[in-house]
Amino acid sequence: MSRIGKLPIVVPEGVEITITDSNRIKVKGKLGELEQLVDPAIKVKHENGKIVLERPTESKDHKSKHGLYRSLINNMVKGVTEGYSTVQELVGVGYKVEAKGQVLDLSLGYSHHIFIELPPEIKVETVIERGKNPQIKMSSADKQLLGQVAAKIRSLRKPEPYKGKGIKFQGEVLRKKLGKAGAEK
């Protein structure tokens, strides 16, 4: 039984929902417009300011898709009203970041700079304060796109377990290993 799928999605004021016959859902709000194609087996209804999803059978496939599409649509509604944001820190001596429009210029200890062009849906800003690690702050209405871009940036220099150097999310706790000296004792 999908408990997530049964929950109705409350649509706040100022959000327009459009459901086409081909189960394509468009959500439009103050922060943008998002679109999602839903499996034809899942029925989507918009009534009384709420979105309700129904599945035809109790099969495992239908149960899983029921909860999945409810979560995706809920993320879309939340994204166009509140938006999503993420903050990443660059931990390491000489690690630098600079945002030039939609292009990030990263210096991560390699012999060359790394340039990443971000999608236009993502707003980016960099914070560089003396005595603190440089930060990349990104925000977007699309949770999936934001997470994918943040994971791509992190993959350029993952935090290593001995010194903790690399790109990490703010508030992320890294488990450090002892290293060679700890093994001898």
N, C-alpha and C. Protein backbone atom coordinates (compact mmCIF):
# COMPACT_ATOMS: atom_id res chain seq x y z
N MET A 1 0.84 -1.17 0.00
CA MET A 1 0.00 0.00 0.00
C MET A 1 0.89 1.24 0.00
N SER A 2 0.70 2.10 -0.98
CA SER A 2 1.48 3.32 -1.06
C SER A 2 0.82 4.39 -0.20
N ARG A 3 1.44 4.71 0.91
CA ARG A 3 0.87 5.73 1.78
C ARG A 3 1.13 7.12 1.23
N ILE A 4 2.29 7.27 0.58
CA ILE A 4 2.63 8.57 -0.01
C ILE A 4 1.66 8.90 -1.14
N GLY A 5 1.37 7.94 -2.00
CA GLY A 5 0.51 8.16 -3.15
C GLY A 5 -0.90 8.56 -2.79
N LYS A 6 -1.38 8.11 -1.63
CA LYS A 6 -2.76 8.41 -1.23
C LYS A 6 -2.94 9.83 -0.72
N LEU A 7 -1.85 10.47 -0.29
CA LEU A 7 -1.96 11.82 0.26
C LEU A 7 -2.31 12.81 -0.85
N PRO A 8 -3.29 13.68 -0.61
CA PRO A 8 -3.59 14.70 -1.62
C PRO A 8 -2.54 15.81 -1.58
N ILE A 9 -2.33 16.45 -2.71
CA ILE A 9 -1.38 17.56 -2.80
C ILE A 9 -2.18 18.84 -2.75
N VAL A 10 -1.93 19.68 -1.74
CA VAL A 10 -2.63 20.95 -1.61
C VAL A 10 -1.97 21.96 -2.54
N VAL A 11 -2.76 22.57 -3.41
CA VAL A 11 -2.25 23.55 -4.35
C VAL A 11 -2.43 24.94 -3.76
N PRO A 12 -1.34 25.66 -3.46
CA PRO A 12 -1.48 27.01 -2.89
C PRO A 12 -2.00 28.01 -3.93
N GLU A 13 -2.44 29.16 -3.45
CA GLU A 13 -2.94 30.19 -4.35
C GLU A 13 -1.80 30.73 -5.20
N GLY A 14 -2.12 31.08 -6.43
CA GLY A 14 -1.11 31.60 -7.35
C GLY A 14 -0.43 30.53 -8.17
N VAL A 15 -0.84 29.28 -8.00
CA VAL A 15 -0.26 28.17 -8.75
C VAL A 15 -1.31 27.64 -9.73
N GLU A 16 -0.93 27.60 -11.01
CA GLU A 16 -1.83 27.08 -12.05
C GLU A 16 -1.44 25.64 -12.38
N ILE A 17 -2.43 24.77 -12.42
CA ILE A 17 -2.20 23.36 -12.77
C ILE A 17 -2.94 23.09 -14.08
N THR A 18 -2.23 22.52 -15.06
CA THR A 18 -2.84 22.13 -16.32
C THR A 18 -2.56 20.65 -16.54
N ILE A 19 -3.64 19.87 -16.70
CA ILE A 19 -3.50 18.44 -16.96
C ILE A 19 -4.09 18.15 -18.33
N THR A 20 -3.27 17.62 -19.24
CA THR A 20 -3.75 17.31 -20.58
C THR A 20 -4.24 15.86 -20.64
N ASP A 21 -4.85 15.48 -21.77
CA ASP A 21 -5.36 14.12 -21.94
C ASP A 21 -4.25 13.09 -21.95
N SER A 22 -3.06 13.48 -22.37
CA SER A 22 -1.94 12.53 -22.44
C SER A 22 -1.18 12.44 -21.12
N ASN A 23 -1.84 12.88 -20.02
CA ASN A 23 -1.25 12.84 -18.68
C ASN A 23 0.03 13.67 -18.56
N ARG A 24 0.07 14.79 -19.25
CA ARG A 24 1.18 15.74 -19.09
C ARG A 24 0.70 16.82 -18.14
N ILE A 25 1.46 17.04 -17.06
CA ILE A 25 1.07 18.00 -16.05
C ILE A 25 2.01 19.20 -16.13
N LYS A 26 1.42 20.39 -16.19
CA LYS A 26 2.18 21.64 -16.17
C LYS A 26 1.81 22.39 -14.90
N VAL A 27 2.84 22.82 -14.18
CA VAL A 27 2.65 23.58 -12.95
C VAL A 27 3.33 24.92 -13.15
N LYS A 28 2.55 26.00 -12.98
CA LYS A 28 3.08 27.34 -13.20
C LYS A 28 2.88 28.16 -11.94
N GLY A 29 3.96 28.82 -11.49
CA GLY A 29 3.90 29.63 -10.28
C GLY A 29 4.80 30.84 -10.41
N LYS A 30 5.03 31.52 -9.30
CA LYS A 30 5.81 32.76 -9.33
C LYS A 30 7.29 32.53 -9.64
N LEU A 31 7.81 31.34 -9.39
CA LEU A 31 9.23 31.06 -9.63
C LEU A 31 9.51 30.35 -10.95
N GLY A 32 8.46 30.06 -11.73
CA GLY A 32 8.71 29.40 -13.01
C GLY A 32 7.61 28.44 -13.39
N GLU A 33 7.92 27.65 -14.41
CA GLU A 33 6.97 26.68 -14.92
C GLU A 33 7.68 25.34 -15.09
N LEU A 34 7.06 24.27 -14.59
CA LEU A 34 7.62 22.93 -14.68
C LEU A 34 6.61 22.00 -15.34
N GLU A 35 7.14 20.94 -15.94
CA GLU A 35 6.30 20.01 -16.69
C GLU A 35 6.73 18.58 -16.39
N GLN A 36 5.76 17.66 -16.30
CA GLN A 36 6.06 16.26 -16.02
C GLN A 36 5.08 15.37 -16.76
N LEU A 37 5.60 14.33 -17.38
CA LEU A 37 4.77 13.33 -18.05
C LEU A 37 4.52 12.20 -17.06
N VAL A 38 3.24 11.86 -16.84
CA VAL A 38 2.86 10.83 -15.88
C VAL A 38 2.46 9.58 -16.64
N ASP A 39 2.80 8.41 -16.07
CA ASP A 39 2.42 7.13 -16.66
C ASP A 39 0.91 7.10 -16.90
N PRO A 40 0.47 6.63 -18.09
CA PRO A 40 -0.97 6.63 -18.39
C PRO A 40 -1.81 5.78 -17.43
N ALA A 41 -1.22 4.83 -16.75
CA ALA A 41 -1.98 3.99 -15.82
C ALA A 41 -2.42 4.78 -14.59
N ILE A 42 -1.66 5.80 -14.20
CA ILE A 42 -1.98 6.61 -13.02
C ILE A 42 -2.90 7.75 -13.43
N LYS A 43 -4.05 7.85 -12.79
CA LYS A 43 -5.02 8.91 -13.09
C LYS A 43 -4.77 10.09 -12.16
N VAL A 44 -4.70 11.28 -12.75
CA VAL A 44 -4.45 12.50 -11.99
C VAL A 44 -5.70 13.37 -12.07
N LYS A 45 -6.20 13.79 -10.91
CA LYS A 45 -7.40 14.64 -10.86
C LYS A 45 -7.10 15.90 -10.07
N HIS A 46 -7.58 17.03 -10.58
CA HIS A 46 -7.41 18.32 -9.90
C HIS A 46 -8.79 18.83 -9.54
N GLU A 47 -9.10 18.83 -8.24
CA GLU A 47 -10.43 19.27 -7.80
C GLU A 47 -10.33 19.91 -6.42
N ASN A 48 -11.09 20.98 -6.21
CA ASN A 48 -11.17 21.68 -4.92
C ASN A 48 -9.81 22.13 -4.39
N GLY A 49 -8.93 22.58 -5.27
CA GLY A 49 -7.63 23.05 -4.83
C GLY A 49 -6.67 21.96 -4.38
N LYS A 50 -6.96 20.71 -4.75
CA LYS A 50 -6.10 19.59 -4.40
C LYS A 50 -5.87 18.71 -5.62
N ILE A 51 -4.72 18.06 -5.65
CA ILE A 51 -4.42 17.10 -6.70
C ILE A 51 -4.42 15.72 -6.06
N VAL A 52 -5.17 14.80 -6.66
CA VAL A 52 -5.28 13.44 -6.14
C VAL A 52 -4.87 12.48 -7.24
N LEU A 53 -4.04 11.49 -6.89
CA LEU A 53 -3.62 10.47 -7.84
C LEU A 53 -4.26 9.14 -7.49
N GLU A 54 -4.70 8.40 -8.50
CA GLU A 54 -5.33 7.10 -8.29
C GLU A 54 -4.65 6.07 -9.17
N ARG A 55 -4.51 4.84 -8.64
CA ARG A 55 -3.93 3.75 -9.40
C ARG A 55 -5.01 2.73 -9.72
N PRO A 56 -4.89 2.03 -10.86
CA PRO A 56 -5.94 1.10 -11.26
C PRO A 56 -5.94 -0.22 -10.49
N THR A 57 -4.76 -0.74 -10.14
CA THR A 57 -4.69 -2.03 -9.46
C THR A 57 -3.73 -1.96 -8.28
N GLU A 58 -3.62 -3.07 -7.58
CA GLU A 58 -2.72 -3.16 -6.43
C GLU A 58 -1.38 -3.83 -6.80
N SER A 59 -1.05 -3.86 -8.09
CA SER A 59 0.20 -4.49 -8.50
C SER A 59 1.39 -3.67 -7.99
N LYS A 60 2.52 -4.33 -7.86
CA LYS A 60 3.72 -3.68 -7.32
C LYS A 60 4.15 -2.50 -8.18
N ASP A 61 4.05 -2.66 -9.50
CA ASP A 61 4.43 -1.60 -10.42
C ASP A 61 3.54 -0.37 -10.24
N HIS A 62 2.25 -0.57 -10.15
CA HIS A 62 1.33 0.55 -9.99
C HIS A 62 1.50 1.22 -8.63
N LYS A 63 1.76 0.43 -7.59
CA LYS A 63 1.98 1.01 -6.27
C LYS A 63 3.21 1.91 -6.25
N SER A 64 4.28 1.43 -6.87
CA SER A 64 5.52 2.22 -6.86
C SER A 64 5.38 3.50 -7.68
N LYS A 65 4.72 3.41 -8.81
CA LYS A 65 4.54 4.60 -9.65
C LYS A 65 3.57 5.59 -9.00
N HIS A 66 2.62 5.08 -8.24
CA HIS A 66 1.66 5.93 -7.55
C HIS A 66 2.39 6.89 -6.60
N GLY A 67 3.26 6.35 -5.78
CA GLY A 67 4.03 7.17 -4.84
C GLY A 67 5.05 8.05 -5.54
N LEU A 68 5.67 7.51 -6.59
CA LEU A 68 6.69 8.27 -7.33
C LEU A 68 6.11 9.54 -7.94
N TYR A 69 5.01 9.40 -8.68
CA TYR A 69 4.46 10.55 -9.38
C TYR A 69 3.83 11.54 -8.40
N ARG A 70 3.32 11.06 -7.29
CA ARG A 70 2.80 11.98 -6.28
C ARG A 70 3.94 12.83 -5.73
N SER A 71 5.09 12.22 -5.46
CA SER A 71 6.25 12.96 -4.95
C SER A 71 6.78 13.94 -5.99
N LEU A 72 6.84 13.52 -7.25
CA LEU A 72 7.33 14.41 -8.31
C LEU A 72 6.44 15.64 -8.47
N ILE A 73 5.13 15.42 -8.47
CA ILE A 73 4.19 16.54 -8.62
C ILE A 73 4.25 17.45 -7.39
N ASN A 74 4.37 16.87 -6.20
CA ASN A 74 4.50 17.67 -4.98
C ASN A 74 5.77 18.52 -5.02
N ASN A 75 6.88 17.94 -5.51
CA ASN A 75 8.13 18.69 -5.64
C ASN A 75 7.98 19.84 -6.64
N MET A 76 7.21 19.61 -7.70
CA MET A 76 6.98 20.67 -8.69
C MET A 76 6.19 21.82 -8.07
N VAL A 77 5.14 21.50 -7.32
CA VAL A 77 4.32 22.53 -6.68
C VAL A 77 5.15 23.32 -5.67
N LYS A 78 5.93 22.61 -4.86
CA LYS A 78 6.78 23.29 -3.89
C LYS A 78 7.86 24.13 -4.58
N GLY A 79 8.38 23.62 -5.69
CA GLY A 79 9.44 24.32 -6.42
C GLY A 79 8.98 25.65 -7.00
N VAL A 80 7.78 25.70 -7.57
CA VAL A 80 7.31 26.95 -8.19
C VAL A 80 6.81 27.94 -7.16
N THR A 81 6.56 27.50 -5.91
CA THR A 81 6.13 28.44 -4.87
C THR A 81 7.30 28.88 -3.99
N GLU A 82 8.06 27.92 -3.45
CA GLU A 82 9.16 28.25 -2.53
C GLU A 82 10.53 28.16 -3.19
N GLY A 83 10.73 27.18 -4.06
CA GLY A 83 12.02 26.97 -4.69
C GLY A 83 12.92 26.09 -3.83
N TYR A 84 14.00 25.64 -4.42
CA TYR A 84 14.97 24.80 -3.73
C TYR A 84 16.34 25.46 -3.82
N SER A 85 17.18 25.20 -2.82
CA SER A 85 18.53 25.75 -2.87
C SER A 85 19.50 24.77 -2.23
N THR A 86 20.75 24.91 -2.62
CA THR A 86 21.81 24.07 -2.06
C THR A 86 23.08 24.91 -1.94
N VAL A 87 23.89 24.59 -0.92
CA VAL A 87 25.15 25.29 -0.69
C VAL A 87 26.25 24.24 -0.62
N GLN A 88 27.31 24.47 -1.41
CA GLN A 88 28.46 23.57 -1.40
C GLN A 88 29.70 24.36 -0.98
N GLU A 89 30.58 23.69 -0.22
CA GLU A 89 31.82 24.31 0.24
C GLU A 89 33.01 23.66 -0.45
N LEU A 90 34.02 24.47 -0.76
CA LEU A 90 35.26 23.96 -1.33
C LEU A 90 36.30 23.96 -0.22
N VAL A 91 36.65 22.76 0.25
CA VAL A 91 37.59 22.62 1.37
C VAL A 91 38.94 22.19 0.80
N GLY A 92 39.94 23.03 0.96
CA GLY A 92 41.28 22.71 0.48
C GLY A 92 42.08 23.97 0.23
N VAL A 93 43.37 23.87 0.39
CA VAL A 93 44.24 25.03 0.20
C VAL A 93 44.29 25.39 -1.29
N GLY A 94 43.98 26.63 -1.60
CA GLY A 94 44.04 27.10 -2.98
C GLY A 94 42.81 26.77 -3.81
N TYR A 95 41.78 26.16 -3.24
CA TYR A 95 40.55 25.88 -3.98
C TYR A 95 39.77 27.18 -4.12
N LYS A 96 39.40 27.51 -5.35
CA LYS A 96 38.69 28.77 -5.62
C LYS A 96 37.53 28.52 -6.56
N VAL A 97 36.56 29.41 -6.51
CA VAL A 97 35.41 29.36 -7.41
C VAL A 97 35.00 30.79 -7.75
N GLU A 98 34.57 30.96 -9.00
CA GLU A 98 34.09 32.26 -9.43
C GLU A 98 32.95 32.04 -10.43
N ALA A 99 31.87 32.79 -10.23
CA ALA A 99 30.73 32.68 -11.14
C ALA A 99 30.78 33.84 -12.13
N LYS A 100 30.81 33.50 -13.41
CA LYS A 100 30.80 34.51 -14.48
C LYS A 100 29.52 34.29 -15.28
N GLY A 101 28.43 34.91 -14.83
CA GLY A 101 27.14 34.66 -15.45
C GLY A 101 26.67 33.26 -15.10
N GLN A 102 26.45 32.42 -16.12
CA GLN A 102 26.02 31.04 -15.90
C GLN A 102 27.18 30.05 -16.02
N VAL A 103 28.42 30.56 -15.94
CA VAL A 103 29.60 29.70 -16.03
C VAL A 103 30.35 29.74 -14.70
N LEU A 104 30.63 28.56 -14.16
CA LEU A 104 31.43 28.46 -12.94
C LEU A 104 32.88 28.19 -13.33
N ASP A 105 33.79 28.95 -12.77
CA ASP A 105 35.23 28.76 -12.97
C ASP A 105 35.79 28.18 -11.68
N LEU A 106 36.15 26.90 -11.71
CA LEU A 106 36.63 26.20 -10.52
C LEU A 106 38.13 25.94 -10.60
N SER A 107 38.83 26.22 -9.51
CA SER A 107 40.24 25.89 -9.39
C SER A 107 40.33 24.91 -8.22
N LEU A 108 40.56 23.62 -8.53
CA LEU A 108 40.47 22.57 -7.51
C LEU A 108 41.77 21.81 -7.30
N GLY A 109 42.90 22.47 -7.52
CA GLY A 109 44.17 21.82 -7.29
C GLY A 109 44.70 21.06 -8.48
N TYR A 110 43.98 21.06 -9.58
CA TYR A 110 44.49 20.44 -10.80
C TYR A 110 45.37 21.45 -11.53
N SER A 111 46.01 21.03 -12.59
CA SER A 111 46.90 21.92 -13.35
C SER A 111 46.12 22.89 -14.24
N HIS A 112 44.81 22.76 -14.27
CA HIS A 112 43.98 23.59 -15.14
C HIS A 112 42.71 24.00 -14.40
N HIS A 113 42.07 25.02 -14.90
CA HIS A 113 40.78 25.45 -14.36
C HIS A 113 39.68 24.60 -14.99
N ILE A 114 38.59 24.41 -14.27
CA ILE A 114 37.45 23.66 -14.78
C ILE A 114 36.29 24.65 -14.95
N PHE A 115 35.71 24.67 -16.14
CA PHE A 115 34.60 25.56 -16.43
C PHE A 115 33.34 24.72 -16.61
N ILE A 116 32.28 25.08 -15.89
CA ILE A 116 31.00 24.37 -15.98
C ILE A 116 29.93 25.38 -16.36
N GLU A 117 29.24 25.11 -17.48
CA GLU A 117 28.13 25.97 -17.87
C GLU A 117 26.85 25.42 -17.25
N LEU A 118 26.18 26.27 -16.48
CA LEU A 118 24.97 25.85 -15.77
C LEU A 118 23.74 26.13 -16.62
N PRO A 119 22.69 25.32 -16.46
CA PRO A 119 21.44 25.57 -17.18
C PRO A 119 20.84 26.92 -16.77
N PRO A 120 20.07 27.55 -17.66
CA PRO A 120 19.51 28.87 -17.33
C PRO A 120 18.49 28.84 -16.19
N GLU A 121 17.94 27.67 -15.86
CA GLU A 121 16.96 27.56 -14.77
C GLU A 121 17.59 27.71 -13.40
N ILE A 122 18.92 27.59 -13.32
CA ILE A 122 19.61 27.63 -12.03
C ILE A 122 20.25 29.00 -11.84
N LYS A 123 20.00 29.59 -10.66
CA LYS A 123 20.65 30.84 -10.29
C LYS A 123 21.83 30.48 -9.39
N VAL A 124 22.99 31.04 -9.69
CA VAL A 124 24.18 30.70 -8.92
C VAL A 124 24.85 31.96 -8.39
N GLU A 125 25.42 31.83 -7.19
CA GLU A 125 26.22 32.90 -6.63
C GLU A 125 27.35 32.26 -5.82
N THR A 126 28.48 32.92 -5.82
CA THR A 126 29.62 32.40 -5.06
C THR A 126 29.92 33.36 -3.91
N VAL A 127 30.32 32.78 -2.78
CA VAL A 127 30.64 33.57 -1.59
C VAL A 127 32.08 33.26 -1.22
N ILE A 128 32.89 34.29 -1.20
CA ILE A 128 34.30 34.12 -0.82
C ILE A 128 34.58 35.09 0.32
N GLU A 129 34.80 34.55 1.53
CA GLU A 129 35.13 35.36 2.69
C GLU A 129 36.49 34.95 3.20
N ARG A 130 37.22 35.93 3.68
CA ARG A 130 38.56 35.67 4.20
C ARG A 130 38.47 34.79 5.45
N GLY A 131 39.25 33.73 5.47
CA GLY A 131 39.28 32.82 6.61
C GLY A 131 38.23 31.73 6.56
N LYS A 132 37.37 31.73 5.54
CA LYS A 132 36.35 30.70 5.41
C LYS A 132 36.49 30.02 4.05
N ASN A 133 35.91 28.84 3.94
CA ASN A 133 35.95 28.11 2.68
C ASN A 133 35.04 28.79 1.64
N PRO A 134 35.47 28.83 0.37
CA PRO A 134 34.60 29.37 -0.68
C PRO A 134 33.32 28.54 -0.79
N GLN A 135 32.21 29.20 -1.11
CA GLN A 135 30.92 28.52 -1.20
C GLN A 135 30.27 28.77 -2.55
N ILE A 136 29.51 27.77 -3.00
CA ILE A 136 28.69 27.88 -4.20
C ILE A 136 27.25 27.76 -3.75
N LYS A 137 26.45 28.82 -3.97
CA LYS A 137 25.04 28.80 -3.61
C LYS A 137 24.23 28.74 -4.89
N MET A 138 23.40 27.68 -5.02
CA MET A 138 22.57 27.52 -6.21
C MET A 138 21.11 27.42 -5.78
N SER A 139 20.23 27.98 -6.61
CA SER A 139 18.80 27.87 -6.33
C SER A 139 18.06 27.69 -7.65
N SER A 140 16.93 26.97 -7.56
CA SER A 140 16.13 26.68 -8.75
C SER A 140 14.75 26.21 -8.31
N ALA A 141 13.80 26.23 -9.24
CA ALA A 141 12.47 25.69 -8.98
C ALA A 141 12.45 24.19 -9.23
N ASP A 142 13.40 23.69 -10.01
CA ASP A 142 13.44 22.28 -10.39
C ASP A 142 14.40 21.52 -9.47
N LYS A 143 13.83 20.74 -8.55
CA LYS A 143 14.63 20.01 -7.56
C LYS A 143 15.54 18.97 -8.21
N GLN A 144 15.03 18.28 -9.20
CA GLN A 144 15.79 17.22 -9.87
C GLN A 144 17.00 17.80 -10.60
N LEU A 145 16.82 18.88 -11.33
CA LEU A 145 17.91 19.51 -12.06
C LEU A 145 18.96 20.06 -11.10
N LEU A 146 18.52 20.69 -10.03
CA LEU A 146 19.44 21.26 -9.05
C LEU A 146 20.30 20.18 -8.41
N GLY A 147 19.70 19.06 -8.05
CA GLY A 147 20.45 17.95 -7.45
C GLY A 147 21.44 17.34 -8.42
N GLN A 148 21.04 17.25 -9.69
CA GLN A 148 21.92 16.67 -10.70
C GLN A 148 23.15 17.55 -10.92
N VAL A 149 22.95 18.88 -10.99
CA VAL A 149 24.07 19.80 -11.20
C VAL A 149 24.98 19.81 -9.97
N ALA A 150 24.39 19.80 -8.77
CA ALA A 150 25.19 19.78 -7.54
C ALA A 150 26.02 18.50 -7.45
N ALA A 151 25.46 17.37 -7.86
CA ALA A 151 26.21 16.11 -7.84
C ALA A 151 27.34 16.14 -8.86
N LYS A 152 27.11 16.76 -10.01
CA LYS A 152 28.15 16.87 -11.04
C LYS A 152 29.32 17.71 -10.53
N ILE A 153 29.01 18.83 -9.86
CA ILE A 153 30.06 19.69 -9.31
C ILE A 153 30.84 18.94 -8.23
N ARG A 154 30.12 18.22 -7.36
CA ARG A 154 30.78 17.46 -6.29
C ARG A 154 31.69 16.38 -6.85
N SER A 155 31.28 15.76 -7.97
CA SER A 155 32.06 14.66 -8.55
C SER A 155 33.42 15.12 -9.09
N LEU A 156 33.60 16.43 -9.29
CA LEU A 156 34.88 16.93 -9.79
C LEU A 156 36.00 16.75 -8.77
N ARG A 157 35.66 16.82 -7.47
CA ARG A 157 36.64 16.61 -6.41
C ARG A 157 35.88 16.17 -5.16
N LYS A 158 35.61 14.87 -5.05
CA LYS A 158 34.87 14.35 -3.90
C LYS A 158 35.71 14.51 -2.64
N PRO A 159 35.08 14.71 -1.49
CA PRO A 159 35.85 14.82 -0.24
C PRO A 159 36.57 13.51 0.06
N GLU A 160 37.86 13.63 0.34
CA GLU A 160 38.61 12.41 0.63
C GLU A 160 38.62 12.18 2.14
N PRO A 161 38.71 10.93 2.60
CA PRO A 161 38.49 10.61 4.01
C PRO A 161 39.65 10.89 4.96
N TYR A 162 40.82 11.26 4.46
CA TYR A 162 41.96 11.44 5.35
C TYR A 162 42.13 12.88 5.81
N LYS A 163 42.05 13.82 4.90
CA LYS A 163 42.18 15.23 5.26
C LYS A 163 40.85 15.98 5.15
N GLY A 164 39.88 15.42 4.43
CA GLY A 164 38.58 16.07 4.26
C GLY A 164 38.56 17.09 3.15
N LYS A 165 39.59 17.10 2.29
CA LYS A 165 39.64 18.06 1.19
C LYS A 165 38.67 17.65 0.08
N GLY A 166 38.09 18.64 -0.57
CA GLY A 166 37.19 18.36 -1.68
C GLY A 166 35.98 19.27 -1.65
N ILE A 167 34.97 18.95 -2.45
CA ILE A 167 33.73 19.72 -2.49
C ILE A 167 32.68 18.96 -1.69
N LYS A 168 32.13 19.61 -0.67
CA LYS A 168 31.11 18.96 0.15
C LYS A 168 29.91 19.88 0.31
N PHE A 169 28.78 19.28 0.66
CA PHE A 169 27.58 20.06 0.92
C PHE A 169 27.69 20.69 2.30
N GLN A 170 27.13 21.87 2.46
CA GLN A 170 27.19 22.54 3.75
C GLN A 170 26.43 21.73 4.79
N GLY A 171 27.05 21.50 5.92
CA GLY A 171 26.43 20.72 6.97
C GLY A 171 26.70 19.23 6.87
N GLU A 172 27.32 18.79 5.79
CA GLU A 172 27.63 17.37 5.61
C GLU A 172 28.75 16.97 6.56
N VAL A 173 28.56 15.87 7.26
CA VAL A 173 29.57 15.38 8.21
C VAL A 173 30.34 14.26 7.53
N LEU A 174 31.65 14.43 7.44
CA LEU A 174 32.50 13.43 6.81
C LEU A 174 33.16 12.56 7.88
N ARG A 175 33.15 11.26 7.65
CA ARG A 175 33.84 10.35 8.57
C ARG A 175 35.29 10.27 8.14
N LYS A 176 36.17 10.72 9.03
CA LYS A 176 37.58 10.72 8.70
C LYS A 176 38.23 9.41 9.13
N LYS A 177 39.20 8.97 8.33
CA LYS A 177 39.97 7.77 8.66
C LYS A 177 41.27 8.20 9.32
N LEU A 178 41.86 7.30 10.10
CA LEU A 178 43.09 7.64 10.80
C LEU A 178 44.30 7.68 9.90
N GLY A 179 44.44 6.71 9.04
CA GLY A 179 45.61 6.70 8.18
C GLY A 179 46.66 5.75 8.71
N LYS A 180 47.92 5.97 8.28
CA LYS A 180 49.01 5.05 8.57
C LYS A 180 49.36 5.00 10.05
N ALA A 181 49.39 6.14 10.72
CA ALA A 181 49.79 6.20 12.13
C ALA A 181 48.80 5.45 13.01
N GLY A 182 47.53 5.47 12.66
CA GLY A 182 46.51 4.79 13.46
C GLY A 182 46.58 3.27 13.34
N ALA A 183 47.13 2.75 12.27
CA ALA A 183 47.21 1.30 12.04
C ALA A 183 48.35 0.68 12.85
N GLU A 184 49.38 1.45 13.17
CA GLU A 184 50.56 0.93 13.87
C GLU A 184 50.33 0.72 15.35
N LYS A 185 49.39 1.38 15.94
CA LYS A 185 49.18 1.31 17.39
C LYS A 185 48.51 0.05 17.82
